[in-house]
Amino acid sequence: MRKTSAVLASLSLAVLALTGCTAAAPAGVACDRSPAGSDIRDAVTVEGDVGSAPKVDVFTPLHLKESSFADTTVGDGREIVTDKQALVVELSIFSGETGKQIYATAYDETRGQVSTAEYWATQSPGLADVFECATAGSRIVAGLTPDDFGANNLQGFGLSKDDNAVFVIDVVDVFLSRAEGALQFNDAKGMPTVVRAPDGTPGVIIPDSAAPTEQVVQTLIKGDGEEVAAGQLPLLNVMAVGWDDKKVVTSTWGQSPTGDLSTSAPTVAEAIVGKPVGSQLLVVTPAGDAGPAVAYVVDILGAVTAPTP
């Protein structure tokens, strides 16, 4: 277990901390990591523990014909199976021409950056493949050509147009991409049926009967992670379907996860407290002043706390 206070890079949360447990990839998800990077591996030496600021020597000048990456340490934690998955990453960047460090994250558990692989690819397009199928606890060395690093980055970091960028990337933590745990039996009549695509995306079948007049909460999958505590915010995938029109109101599937239900669906947020990470809940909110009845399917991917000052 690693607790990380996180500056959120791309998720719809404020400055928060994620708490999660590493585990294997979801059942049925195939992940094949085949980094090709003997050139970059031989050009860089890295010392130090994953998650700590590394000591790095670049054999300069480094000139790559194409971008490449290699795993110098392979962690045994959860795999990255989607570019929308929440990550905790620490990284340093060096000039391939001079070997000098031009950027580094904080390497501080109270200030770690929570992001996604998709986010990093928007910063440098050459990183799009670097995170694919990497595991928590891994250290990756990547060398990016000027085009793959990005012209704006070259200018912003004061590098020449021909300079390569060398990344040392620590995948400190990887959070769930979907609910994982034991399927639960529920015998409540008149409730929606939930089906799941291979990647976990839910489909919600609303019955033709009237919606319940009080909120109903069912645990569809019981995870084995830590329980979400009062005062924490959960990291979630959410799908909401209107009871009457049977149309999807909102869905985070195919996007970055969210933790913001306290405003949009406060009673659903309350129902998540005490539930273990990895769980999937079905919550039906009745019609009222706030609007018509809605069925929510919520995957709890992690637990979020405020950072220590």
C-alpha atoms as a PDB file:
ATOM      1  CA  MET A   1       0.000   0.000   0.000  1.00  0.00           C
ATOM      2  CA  ARG A   2       1.348   3.436  -0.927  1.00  0.00           C
ATOM      3  CA  LYS A   3      -0.332   6.694  -0.002  1.00  0.00           C
ATOM      4  CA  THR A   4       0.296   9.566  -2.355  1.00  0.00           C
ATOM      5  CA  SER A   5      -0.811  13.172  -2.076  1.00  0.00           C
ATOM      6  CA  ALA A   6      -1.295  14.155  -5.651  1.00  0.00           C
ATOM      7  CA  VAL A   7      -1.393  17.200  -7.885  1.00  0.00           C
ATOM      8  CA  LEU A   8      -4.004  16.116 -10.392  1.00  0.00           C
ATOM      9  CA  ALA A   9      -2.845  16.605 -13.970  1.00  0.00           C
ATOM     10  CA  SER A  10      -5.900  15.618 -15.977  1.00  0.00           C
ATOM     11  CA  LEU A  11      -8.661  14.219 -13.787  1.00  0.00           C
ATOM     12  CA  SER A  12     -11.667  16.224 -12.640  1.00  0.00           C
ATOM     13  CA  LEU A  13     -10.512  16.552  -9.019  1.00  0.00           C
ATOM     14  CA  ALA A  14      -8.656  19.223  -7.048  1.00  0.00           C
ATOM     15  CA  VAL A  15      -5.276  18.750  -5.327  1.00  0.00           C
ATOM     16  CA  LEU A  16      -5.873  15.352  -3.765  1.00  0.00           C
ATOM     17  CA  ALA A  17      -4.219  12.128  -2.674  1.00  0.00           C
ATOM     18  CA  LEU A  18      -4.931   8.699  -4.061  1.00  0.00           C
ATOM     19  CA  THR A  19      -4.748   5.546  -1.994  1.00  0.00           C
ATOM     20  CA  GLY A  20      -4.857   2.192  -3.746  1.00  0.00           C
ATOM     21  CA  CYS A  21      -3.450  -1.329  -3.856  1.00  0.00           C
ATOM     22  CA  THR A  22      -1.571  -2.799  -6.766  1.00  0.00           C
ATOM     23  CA  ALA A  23      -2.875  -5.999  -8.269  1.00  0.00           C
ATOM     24  CA  ALA A  24      -2.997  -7.957 -11.486  1.00  0.00           C
ATOM     25  CA  ALA A  25      -4.670  -6.685 -14.640  1.00  0.00           C
ATOM     26  CA  PRO A  26      -8.435  -7.246 -14.960  1.00  0.00           C
ATOM     27  CA  ALA A  27      -9.440 -10.742 -15.971  1.00  0.00           C
ATOM     28  CA  GLY A  28      -9.818 -11.116 -19.722  1.00  0.00           C
ATOM     29  CA  VAL A  29      -7.661  -8.089 -20.534  1.00  0.00           C
ATOM     30  CA  ALA A  30      -4.667  -9.038 -22.658  1.00  0.00           C
ATOM     31  CA  CYS A  31      -1.589  -6.874 -22.287  1.00  0.00           C
ATOM     32  CA  ASP A  32       1.598  -7.436 -24.252  1.00  0.00           C
ATOM     33  CA  ARG A  33       4.472  -5.086 -23.466  1.00  0.00           C
ATOM     34  CA  SER A  34       7.271  -5.401 -25.970  1.00  0.00           C
ATOM     35  CA  PRO A  35       9.540  -2.371 -25.635  1.00  0.00           C
ATOM     36  CA  ALA A  36      12.226  -2.123 -28.297  1.00  0.00           C
ATOM     37  CA  GLY A  37      15.004  -0.042 -26.900  1.00  0.00           C
ATOM     38  CA  SER A  38      18.461  -1.558 -26.812  1.00  0.00           C
ATOM     39  CA  ASP A  39      19.888   1.693 -28.203  1.00  0.00           C
ATOM     40  CA  ILE A  40      18.425   3.875 -25.462  1.00  0.00           C
ATOM     41  CA  ARG A  41      19.158   1.281 -22.769  1.00  0.00           C
ATOM     42  CA  ASP A  42      22.849   1.288 -23.701  1.00  0.00           C
ATOM     43  CA  ALA A  43      22.964   5.084 -23.883  1.00  0.00           C
ATOM     44  CA  VAL A  44      21.733   5.824 -20.356  1.00  0.00           C
ATOM     45  CA  THR A  45      22.679   4.550 -16.911  1.00  0.00           C
ATOM     46  CA  VAL A  46      20.250   5.021 -14.026  1.00  0.00           C
ATOM     47  CA  GLU A  47      20.776   4.435 -10.313  1.00  0.00           C
ATOM     48  CA  GLY A  48      18.380   4.717  -7.383  1.00  0.00           C
ATOM     49  CA  ASP A  49      15.077   3.293  -6.224  1.00  0.00           C
ATOM     50  CA  VAL A  50      11.842   3.628  -8.185  1.00  0.00           C
ATOM     51  CA  GLY A  51       9.940   6.635  -6.861  1.00  0.00           C
ATOM     52  CA  SER A  52      13.100   8.445  -5.732  1.00  0.00           C
ATOM     53  CA  ALA A  53      15.059  11.013  -7.728  1.00  0.00           C
ATOM     54  CA  PRO A  54      17.428   8.962  -9.890  1.00  0.00           C
ATOM     55  CA  LYS A  55      21.106   9.471 -10.608  1.00  0.00           C
ATOM     56  CA  VAL A  56      21.308   9.532 -14.396  1.00  0.00           C
ATOM     57  CA  ASP A  57      24.235   9.593 -16.805  1.00  0.00           C
ATOM     58  CA  VAL A  58      23.576  10.100 -20.513  1.00  0.00           C
ATOM     59  CA  PHE A  59      26.324   9.135 -22.931  1.00  0.00           C
ATOM     60  CA  THR A  60      26.348  12.332 -24.922  1.00  0.00           C
ATOM     61  CA  PRO A  61      25.812  13.484 -27.534  1.00  0.00           C
ATOM     62  CA  LEU A  62      22.831  11.210 -28.071  1.00  0.00           C
ATOM     63  CA  HIS A  63      21.342  11.173 -31.561  1.00  0.00           C
ATOM     64  CA  LEU A  64      18.429   8.819 -32.221  1.00  0.00           C
ATOM     65  CA  LYS A  65      16.987   8.048 -35.636  1.00  0.00           C
ATOM     66  CA  GLU A  66      13.710   7.109 -33.994  1.00  0.00           C
ATOM     67  CA  SER A  67      12.245   7.214 -30.521  1.00  0.00           C
ATOM     68  CA  SER A  68      12.645   4.159 -28.316  1.00  0.00           C
ATOM     69  CA  PHE A  69      12.136   3.025 -24.737  1.00  0.00           C
ATOM     70  CA  ALA A  70      13.242   0.243 -22.412  1.00  0.00           C
ATOM     71  CA  ASP A  71      12.262  -1.001 -18.976  1.00  0.00           C
ATOM     72  CA  THR A  72      15.234  -0.850 -16.633  1.00  0.00           C
ATOM     73  CA  THR A  73      13.107  -2.084 -13.728  1.00  0.00           C
ATOM     74  CA  VAL A  74       9.952  -4.146 -14.200  1.00  0.00           C
ATOM     75  CA  GLY A  75       7.491  -3.794 -11.345  1.00  0.00           C
ATOM     76  CA  ASP A  76       5.092  -6.495 -10.232  1.00  0.00           C
ATOM     77  CA  GLY A  77       2.106  -4.196  -9.714  1.00  0.00           C
ATOM     78  CA  ARG A  78      -1.023  -3.534 -11.711  1.00  0.00           C
ATOM     79  CA  GLU A  79      -0.709  -3.148 -15.486  1.00  0.00           C
ATOM     80  CA  ILE A  80      -1.727  -0.090 -17.465  1.00  0.00           C
ATOM     81  CA  VAL A  81      -4.399  -1.481 -19.767  1.00  0.00           C
ATOM     82  CA  THR A  82      -5.949   1.788 -20.966  1.00  0.00           C
ATOM     83  CA  ASP A  83      -4.598   5.266 -21.578  1.00  0.00           C
ATOM     84  CA  LYS A  84      -7.453   6.652 -19.425  1.00  0.00           C
ATOM     85  CA  GLN A  85      -6.265   4.772 -16.303  1.00  0.00           C
ATOM     86  CA  ALA A  86      -5.186   6.855 -13.312  1.00  0.00           C
ATOM     87  CA  LEU A  87      -1.447   6.769 -12.601  1.00  0.00           C
ATOM     88  CA  VAL A  88       1.055   8.187 -10.174  1.00  0.00           C
ATOM     89  CA  VAL A  89       4.192   9.013 -12.136  1.00  0.00           C
ATOM     90  CA  GLU A  90       7.513  10.614 -11.256  1.00  0.00           C
ATOM     91  CA  LEU A  91       9.814  11.549 -14.100  1.00  0.00           C
ATOM     92  CA  SER A  92      12.962  13.420 -15.058  1.00  0.00           C
ATOM     93  CA  ILE A  93      13.937  14.763 -18.483  1.00  0.00           C
ATOM     94  CA  PHE A  94      17.480  15.277 -19.768  1.00  0.00           C
ATOM     95  CA  SER A  95      19.046  16.810 -22.847  1.00  0.00           C
ATOM     96  CA  GLY A  96      20.460  14.183 -25.169  1.00  0.00           C
ATOM     97  CA  GLU A  97      23.024  16.696 -26.364  1.00  0.00           C
ATOM     98  CA  THR A  98      24.441  17.761 -22.999  1.00  0.00           C
ATOM     99  CA  GLY A  99      23.081  15.210 -20.533  1.00  0.00           C
ATOM    100  CA  LYS A 100      21.826  18.005 -18.283  1.00  0.00           C
ATOM    101  CA  GLN A 101      18.524  17.677 -16.458  1.00  0.00           C
ATOM    102  CA  ILE A 102      15.911  20.061 -17.824  1.00  0.00           C
ATOM    103  CA  TYR A 103      12.865  18.977 -15.811  1.00  0.00           C
ATOM    104  CA  ALA A 104      11.876  16.792 -12.867  1.00  0.00           C
ATOM    105  CA  THR A 105       8.740  16.134 -10.863  1.00  0.00           C
ATOM    106  CA  ALA A 106       8.834  16.507  -7.090  1.00  0.00           C
ATOM    107  CA  TYR A 107       9.664  12.899  -6.109  1.00  0.00           C
ATOM    108  CA  ASP A 108       7.653  13.586  -2.976  1.00  0.00           C
ATOM    109  CA  GLU A 109       4.786  11.396  -1.761  1.00  0.00           C
ATOM    110  CA  THR A 110       2.902  14.479  -0.604  1.00  0.00           C
ATOM    111  CA  ARG A 111       3.134  16.109  -4.030  1.00  0.00           C
ATOM    112  CA  GLY A 112       3.063  13.217  -6.492  1.00  0.00           C
ATOM    113  CA  GLN A 113       1.295  13.846  -9.783  1.00  0.00           C
ATOM    114  CA  VAL A 114      -1.836  11.894 -10.634  1.00  0.00           C
ATOM    115  CA  SER A 115      -2.390  11.709 -14.351  1.00  0.00           C
ATOM    116  CA  THR A 116      -3.118   9.325 -17.214  1.00  0.00           C
ATOM    117  CA  ALA A 117      -1.061   7.985 -20.087  1.00  0.00           C
ATOM    118  CA  GLU A 118      -3.313  10.012 -22.365  1.00  0.00           C
ATOM    119  CA  TYR A 119      -2.317  13.182 -20.530  1.00  0.00           C
ATOM    120  CA  TRP A 120       1.410  12.525 -20.988  1.00  0.00           C
ATOM    121  CA  ALA A 121       0.894  11.832 -24.686  1.00  0.00           C
ATOM    122  CA  THR A 122      -0.666  15.288 -25.031  1.00  0.00           C
ATOM    123  CA  GLN A 123       2.504  16.758 -23.519  1.00  0.00           C
ATOM    124  CA  SER A 124       4.875  14.760 -25.752  1.00  0.00           C
ATOM    125  CA  PRO A 125       3.365  12.628 -28.539  1.00  0.00           C
ATOM    126  CA  GLY A 126       6.281  10.195 -28.375  1.00  0.00           C
ATOM    127  CA  LEU A 127       5.082   9.048 -24.946  1.00  0.00           C
ATOM    128  CA  ALA A 128       1.898   7.546 -26.407  1.00  0.00           C
ATOM    129  CA  ASP A 129       3.364   4.030 -26.513  1.00  0.00           C
ATOM    130  CA  VAL A 130       5.727   4.268 -23.551  1.00  0.00           C
ATOM    131  CA  PHE A 131       3.124   3.592 -20.857  1.00  0.00           C
ATOM    132  CA  GLU A 132       1.200   0.864 -22.662  1.00  0.00           C
ATOM    133  CA  CYS A 133       1.088  -2.311 -20.512  1.00  0.00           C
ATOM    134  CA  ALA A 134       3.725  -0.978 -18.096  1.00  0.00           C
ATOM    135  CA  THR A 135       3.325  -2.127 -14.501  1.00  0.00           C
ATOM    136  CA  ALA A 136       3.340  -0.269 -11.198  1.00  0.00           C
ATOM    137  CA  GLY A 137       6.831  -0.280  -9.727  1.00  0.00           C
ATOM    138  CA  SER A 138       8.529  -0.034 -13.121  1.00  0.00           C
ATOM    139  CA  ARG A 139      11.221   2.388 -14.250  1.00  0.00           C
ATOM    140  CA  ILE A 140      11.308   3.248 -17.946  1.00  0.00           C
ATOM    141  CA  VAL A 141      14.012   5.009 -19.932  1.00  0.00           C
ATOM    142  CA  ALA A 142      12.762   6.664 -23.119  1.00  0.00           C
ATOM    143  CA  GLY A 143      14.572   8.631 -25.791  1.00  0.00           C
ATOM    144  CA  LEU A 144      12.421  10.902 -27.934  1.00  0.00           C
ATOM    145  CA  THR A 145      13.370  12.503 -31.219  1.00  0.00           C
ATOM    146  CA  PRO A 146      12.693  16.242 -31.554  1.00  0.00           C
ATOM    147  CA  ASP A 147       9.437  15.583 -33.416  1.00  0.00           C
ATOM    148  CA  ASP A 148       8.227  13.135 -30.789  1.00  0.00           C
ATOM    149  CA  PHE A 149       9.246  15.395 -27.918  1.00  0.00           C
ATOM    150  CA  GLY A 150       7.421  18.319 -29.494  1.00  0.00           C
ATOM    151  CA  ALA A 151       8.580  21.604 -30.978  1.00  0.00           C
ATOM    152  CA  ASN A 152       6.972  23.637 -28.191  1.00  0.00           C
ATOM    153  CA  ASN A 153       8.803  21.577 -25.596  1.00  0.00           C
ATOM    154  CA  LEU A 154      12.135  22.087 -27.335  1.00  0.00           C
ATOM    155  CA  GLN A 155      11.607  25.823 -27.242  1.00  0.00           C
ATOM    156  CA  GLY A 156      10.179  25.845 -23.727  1.00  0.00           C
ATOM    157  CA  PHE A 157      13.127  23.929 -22.277  1.00  0.00           C
ATOM    158  CA  GLY A 158      15.710  25.832 -24.323  1.00  0.00           C
ATOM    159  CA  LEU A 159      16.810  22.840 -26.414  1.00  0.00           C
ATOM    160  CA  SER A 160      18.074  23.039 -29.954  1.00  0.00           C
ATOM    161  CA  LYS A 161      15.889  21.829 -32.790  1.00  0.00           C
ATOM    162  CA  ASP A 162      18.069  18.723 -33.197  1.00  0.00           C
ATOM    163  CA  ASP A 163      18.224  17.732 -29.534  1.00  0.00           C
ATOM    164  CA  ASN A 164      16.799  14.461 -28.262  1.00  0.00           C
ATOM    165  CA  ALA A 165      14.952  14.283 -24.950  1.00  0.00           C
ATOM    166  CA  VAL A 166      15.770  11.502 -22.503  1.00  0.00           C
ATOM    167  CA  PHE A 167      13.028  10.543 -20.032  1.00  0.00           C
ATOM    168  CA  VAL A 168      13.449   8.491 -16.884  1.00  0.00           C
ATOM    169  CA  ILE A 169       9.900   7.560 -15.883  1.00  0.00           C
ATOM    170  CA  ASP A 170       8.890   5.871 -12.639  1.00  0.00           C
ATOM    171  CA  VAL A 171       5.428   4.305 -12.688  1.00  0.00           C
ATOM    172  CA  VAL A 172       4.869   4.579  -8.950  1.00  0.00           C
ATOM    173  CA  ASP A 173       1.258   3.445  -8.856  1.00  0.00           C
ATOM    174  CA  VAL A 174      -1.479   2.297 -11.224  1.00  0.00           C
ATOM    175  CA  PHE A 175      -5.135   2.336 -10.248  1.00  0.00           C
ATOM    176  CA  LEU A 176      -8.012   0.175 -11.366  1.00  0.00           C
ATOM    177  CA  SER A 177      -9.499   0.659 -14.819  1.00  0.00           C
ATOM    178  CA  ARG A 178     -12.752  -1.092 -13.826  1.00  0.00           C
ATOM    179  CA  ALA A 179     -14.400  -2.780 -10.862  1.00  0.00           C
ATOM    180  CA  GLU A 180     -12.728  -6.027  -9.792  1.00  0.00           C
ATOM    181  CA  GLY A 181     -13.977  -8.451  -7.173  1.00  0.00           C
ATOM    182  CA  ALA A 182     -16.661 -11.010  -6.388  1.00  0.00           C
ATOM    183  CA  LEU A 183     -20.034 -10.854  -8.146  1.00  0.00           C
ATOM    184  CA  GLN A 184     -22.863 -10.392  -5.645  1.00  0.00           C
ATOM    185  CA  PHE A 185     -26.392 -11.781  -5.704  1.00  0.00           C
ATOM    186  CA  ASN A 186     -29.226  -9.267  -5.369  1.00  0.00           C
ATOM    187  CA  ASP A 187     -32.861 -10.318  -5.207  1.00  0.00           C
ATOM    188  CA  ALA A 188     -34.537  -6.900  -5.161  1.00  0.00           C
ATOM    189  CA  LYS A 189     -37.399  -6.969  -7.678  1.00  0.00           C
ATOM    190  CA  GLY A 190     -37.974  -4.224 -10.188  1.00  0.00           C
ATOM    191  CA  MET A 191     -34.350  -3.063 -10.259  1.00  0.00           C
ATOM    192  CA  PRO A 192     -32.292  -2.458 -13.409  1.00  0.00           C
ATOM    193  CA  THR A 193     -30.118  -5.189 -14.876  1.00  0.00           C
ATOM    194  CA  VAL A 194     -26.459  -4.390 -15.516  1.00  0.00           C
ATOM    195  CA  VAL A 195     -24.409  -6.108 -18.216  1.00  0.00           C
ATOM    196  CA  ARG A 196     -20.733  -5.461 -18.918  1.00  0.00           C
ATOM    197  CA  ALA A 197     -18.572  -5.279 -22.035  1.00  0.00           C
ATOM    198  CA  PRO A 198     -15.180  -7.049 -21.935  1.00  0.00           C
ATOM    199  CA  ASP A 199     -13.495  -3.774 -20.911  1.00  0.00           C
ATOM    200  CA  GLY A 200     -15.966  -3.274 -18.073  1.00  0.00           C
ATOM    201  CA  THR A 201     -18.183  -0.676 -19.728  1.00  0.00           C
ATOM    202  CA  PRO A 202     -21.669  -1.227 -18.275  1.00  0.00           C
ATOM    203  CA  GLY A 203     -24.979  -1.456 -20.039  1.00  0.00           C
ATOM    204  CA  VAL A 204     -28.035  -0.634 -17.944  1.00  0.00           C
ATOM    205  CA  ILE A 205     -31.404  -2.225 -18.721  1.00  0.00           C
ATOM    206  CA  ILE A 206     -34.223  -0.301 -17.040  1.00  0.00           C
ATOM    207  CA  PRO A 207     -37.386  -2.308 -16.309  1.00  0.00           C
ATOM    208  CA  ASP A 208     -40.791  -1.115 -17.442  1.00  0.00           C
ATOM    209  CA  SER A 209     -42.018  -0.898 -13.834  1.00  0.00           C
ATOM    210  CA  ALA A 210     -42.157   2.325 -11.852  1.00  0.00           C
ATOM    211  CA  ALA A 211     -38.982   3.623 -10.236  1.00  0.00           C
ATOM    212  CA  PRO A 212     -38.567   3.117  -6.476  1.00  0.00           C
ATOM    213  CA  THR A 213     -39.770   5.968  -4.286  1.00  0.00           C
ATOM    214  CA  GLU A 214     -36.708   5.749  -2.020  1.00  0.00           C
ATOM    215  CA  GLN A 215     -33.037   5.421  -2.903  1.00  0.00           C
ATOM    216  CA  VAL A 216     -31.903   1.827  -3.408  1.00  0.00           C
ATOM    217  CA  VAL A 217     -28.259   0.731  -3.251  1.00  0.00           C
ATOM    218  CA  GLN A 218     -27.005  -2.650  -4.455  1.00  0.00           C
ATOM    219  CA  THR A 219     -23.436  -3.948  -4.503  1.00  0.00           C
ATOM    220  CA  LEU A 220     -23.006  -5.755  -7.821  1.00  0.00           C
ATOM    221  CA  ILE A 221     -19.295  -6.466  -7.436  1.00  0.00           C
ATOM    222  CA  LYS A 222     -17.575  -6.457  -4.065  1.00  0.00           C
ATOM    223  CA  GLY A 223     -13.970  -5.332  -4.278  1.00  0.00           C
ATOM    224  CA  ASP A 224     -11.212  -6.307  -1.885  1.00  0.00           C
ATOM    225  CA  GLY A 225      -9.550  -2.907  -1.531  1.00  0.00           C
ATOM    226  CA  GLU A 226      -9.680  -0.480   1.376  1.00  0.00           C
ATOM    227  CA  GLU A 227     -13.044   0.985   2.269  1.00  0.00           C
ATOM    228  CA  VAL A 228     -13.757   4.547   1.178  1.00  0.00           C
ATOM    229  CA  ALA A 229     -13.634   6.607   4.361  1.00  0.00           C
ATOM    230  CA  ALA A 230     -15.758   9.599   5.267  1.00  0.00           C
ATOM    231  CA  GLY A 231     -13.924  12.741   4.179  1.00  0.00           C
ATOM    232  CA  GLN A 232     -12.305  11.007   1.226  1.00  0.00           C
ATOM    233  CA  LEU A 233     -13.347  11.379  -2.380  1.00  0.00           C
ATOM    234  CA  PRO A 234     -13.475   8.257  -4.529  1.00  0.00           C
ATOM    235  CA  LEU A 235     -11.925   7.881  -7.956  1.00  0.00           C
ATOM    236  CA  LEU A 236     -14.793   6.595 -10.094  1.00  0.00           C
ATOM    237  CA  ASN A 237     -16.156   5.462 -13.401  1.00  0.00           C
ATOM    238  CA  VAL A 238     -19.841   6.395 -13.533  1.00  0.00           C
ATOM    239  CA  MET A 239     -22.728   5.744 -15.895  1.00  0.00           C
ATOM    240  CA  ALA A 240     -26.116   7.345 -15.197  1.00  0.00           C
ATOM    241  CA  VAL A 241     -29.301   6.348 -17.034  1.00  0.00           C
ATOM    242  CA  GLY A 242     -32.675   8.070 -16.759  1.00  0.00           C
ATOM    243  CA  TRP A 243     -35.389   5.713 -15.499  1.00  0.00           C
ATOM    244  CA  ASP A 244     -38.245   7.152 -17.554  1.00  0.00           C
ATOM    245  CA  ASP A 245     -36.571   7.738 -20.924  1.00  0.00           C
ATOM    246  CA  LYS A 246     -33.940   4.966 -20.511  1.00  0.00           C
ATOM    247  CA  LYS A 247     -31.290   7.250 -21.991  1.00  0.00           C
ATOM    248  CA  VAL A 248     -27.710   7.711 -20.773  1.00  0.00           C
ATOM    249  CA  VAL A 249     -27.525  10.960 -18.824  1.00  0.00           C
ATOM    250  CA  THR A 250     -23.764  10.911 -18.350  1.00  0.00           C
ATOM    251  CA  SER A 251     -20.859   8.488 -18.552  1.00  0.00           C
ATOM    252  CA  THR A 252     -17.147   8.706 -17.755  1.00  0.00           C
ATOM    253  CA  TRP A 253     -16.361   5.502 -19.647  1.00  0.00           C
ATOM    254  CA  GLY A 254     -13.969   6.319 -22.481  1.00  0.00           C
ATOM    255  CA  GLN A 255     -12.845   9.405 -20.552  1.00  0.00           C
ATOM    256  CA  SER A 256     -10.673  10.029 -17.521  1.00  0.00           C
ATOM    257  CA  PRO A 257     -12.210   8.885 -14.206  1.00  0.00           C
ATOM    258  CA  THR A 258     -13.991  11.360 -11.970  1.00  0.00           C
ATOM    259  CA  GLY A 259     -14.435  11.906  -8.254  1.00  0.00           C
ATOM    260  CA  ASP A 260     -16.989  14.680  -8.470  1.00  0.00           C
ATOM    261  CA  LEU A 261     -20.366  13.302  -7.351  1.00  0.00           C
ATOM    262  CA  SER A 262     -20.799  15.367  -4.207  1.00  0.00           C
ATOM    263  CA  THR A 263     -22.415  18.179  -6.192  1.00  0.00           C
ATOM    264  CA  SER A 264     -24.118  16.350  -9.054  1.00  0.00           C
ATOM    265  CA  ALA A 265     -25.374  13.362  -7.046  1.00  0.00           C
ATOM    266  CA  PRO A 266     -24.729  13.882  -3.317  1.00  0.00           C
ATOM    267  CA  THR A 267     -26.787  10.910  -2.127  1.00  0.00           C
ATOM    268  CA  VAL A 268     -24.862   8.638  -4.497  1.00  0.00           C
ATOM    269  CA  ALA A 269     -21.607  10.035  -3.121  1.00  0.00           C
ATOM    270  CA  GLU A 270     -22.832   9.213   0.397  1.00  0.00           C
ATOM    271  CA  ALA A 271     -23.647   5.646  -0.647  1.00  0.00           C
ATOM    272  CA  ILE A 272     -20.024   5.074  -1.695  1.00  0.00           C
ATOM    273  CA  VAL A 273     -18.649   5.739   1.813  1.00  0.00           C
ATOM    274  CA  GLY A 274     -17.745   2.474   3.504  1.00  0.00           C
ATOM    275  CA  LYS A 275     -17.616   0.500   0.257  1.00  0.00           C
ATOM    276  CA  PRO A 276     -14.311  -1.182  -0.675  1.00  0.00           C
ATOM    277  CA  VAL A 277     -12.218  -0.100  -3.632  1.00  0.00           C
ATOM    278  CA  GLY A 278     -12.835  -2.400  -6.580  1.00  0.00           C
ATOM    279  CA  SER A 279     -16.594  -2.505  -5.987  1.00  0.00           C
ATOM    280  CA  GLN A 280     -19.350  -1.767  -8.458  1.00  0.00           C
ATOM    281  CA  LEU A 281     -22.553  -0.257  -7.091  1.00  0.00           C
ATOM    282  CA  LEU A 282     -25.997   0.194  -8.570  1.00  0.00           C
ATOM    283  CA  VAL A 283     -27.695   3.210  -7.017  1.00  0.00           C
ATOM    284  CA  VAL A 284     -31.203   4.268  -8.008  1.00  0.00           C
ATOM    285  CA  THR A 285     -32.232   7.746  -6.909  1.00  0.00           C
ATOM    286  CA  PRO A 286     -35.989   8.440  -6.876  1.00  0.00           C
ATOM    287  CA  ALA A 287     -37.715  11.289  -8.653  1.00  0.00           C
ATOM    288  CA  GLY A 288     -37.908  14.520  -6.695  1.00  0.00           C
ATOM    289  CA  ASP A 289     -37.279  18.235  -6.790  1.00  0.00           C
ATOM    290  CA  ALA A 290     -33.804  17.569  -8.243  1.00  0.00           C
ATOM    291  CA  GLY A 291     -35.267  15.760 -11.258  1.00  0.00           C
ATOM    292  CA  PRO A 292     -36.518  12.371 -12.467  1.00  0.00           C
ATOM    293  CA  ALA A 293     -35.359   8.979 -11.190  1.00  0.00           C
ATOM    294  CA  VAL A 294     -31.866   7.948 -12.301  1.00  0.00           C
ATOM    295  CA  ALA A 295     -29.966   4.672 -12.151  1.00  0.00           C
ATOM    296  CA  TYR A 296     -26.228   5.015 -11.476  1.00  0.00           C
ATOM    297  CA  VAL A 297     -23.621   2.302 -12.031  1.00  0.00           C
ATOM    298  CA  VAL A 298     -20.468   3.280 -10.141  1.00  0.00           C
ATOM    299  CA  ASP A 299     -17.081   1.561 -10.297  1.00  0.00           C
ATOM    300  CA  ILE A 300     -14.863   2.504  -7.337  1.00  0.00           C
ATOM    301  CA  LEU A 301     -11.300   2.679  -8.688  1.00  0.00           C
ATOM    302  CA  GLY A 302      -9.490   4.321  -5.787  1.00  0.00           C
ATOM    303  CA  ALA A 303      -9.884   6.429  -2.656  1.00  0.00           C
ATOM    304  CA  VAL A 304      -8.849  10.063  -2.496  1.00  0.00           C
ATOM    305  CA  THR A 305      -7.804  12.185   0.496  1.00  0.00           C
ATOM    306  CA  ALA A 306      -6.602  15.729   0.929  1.00  0.00           C
ATOM    307  CA  PRO A 307      -2.818  16.130   0.983  1.00  0.00           C
ATOM    308  CA  THR A 308      -0.896  16.873   4.150  1.00  0.00           C
ATOM    309  CA  PRO A 309      -0.064  20.619   4.339  1.00  0.00           C
END
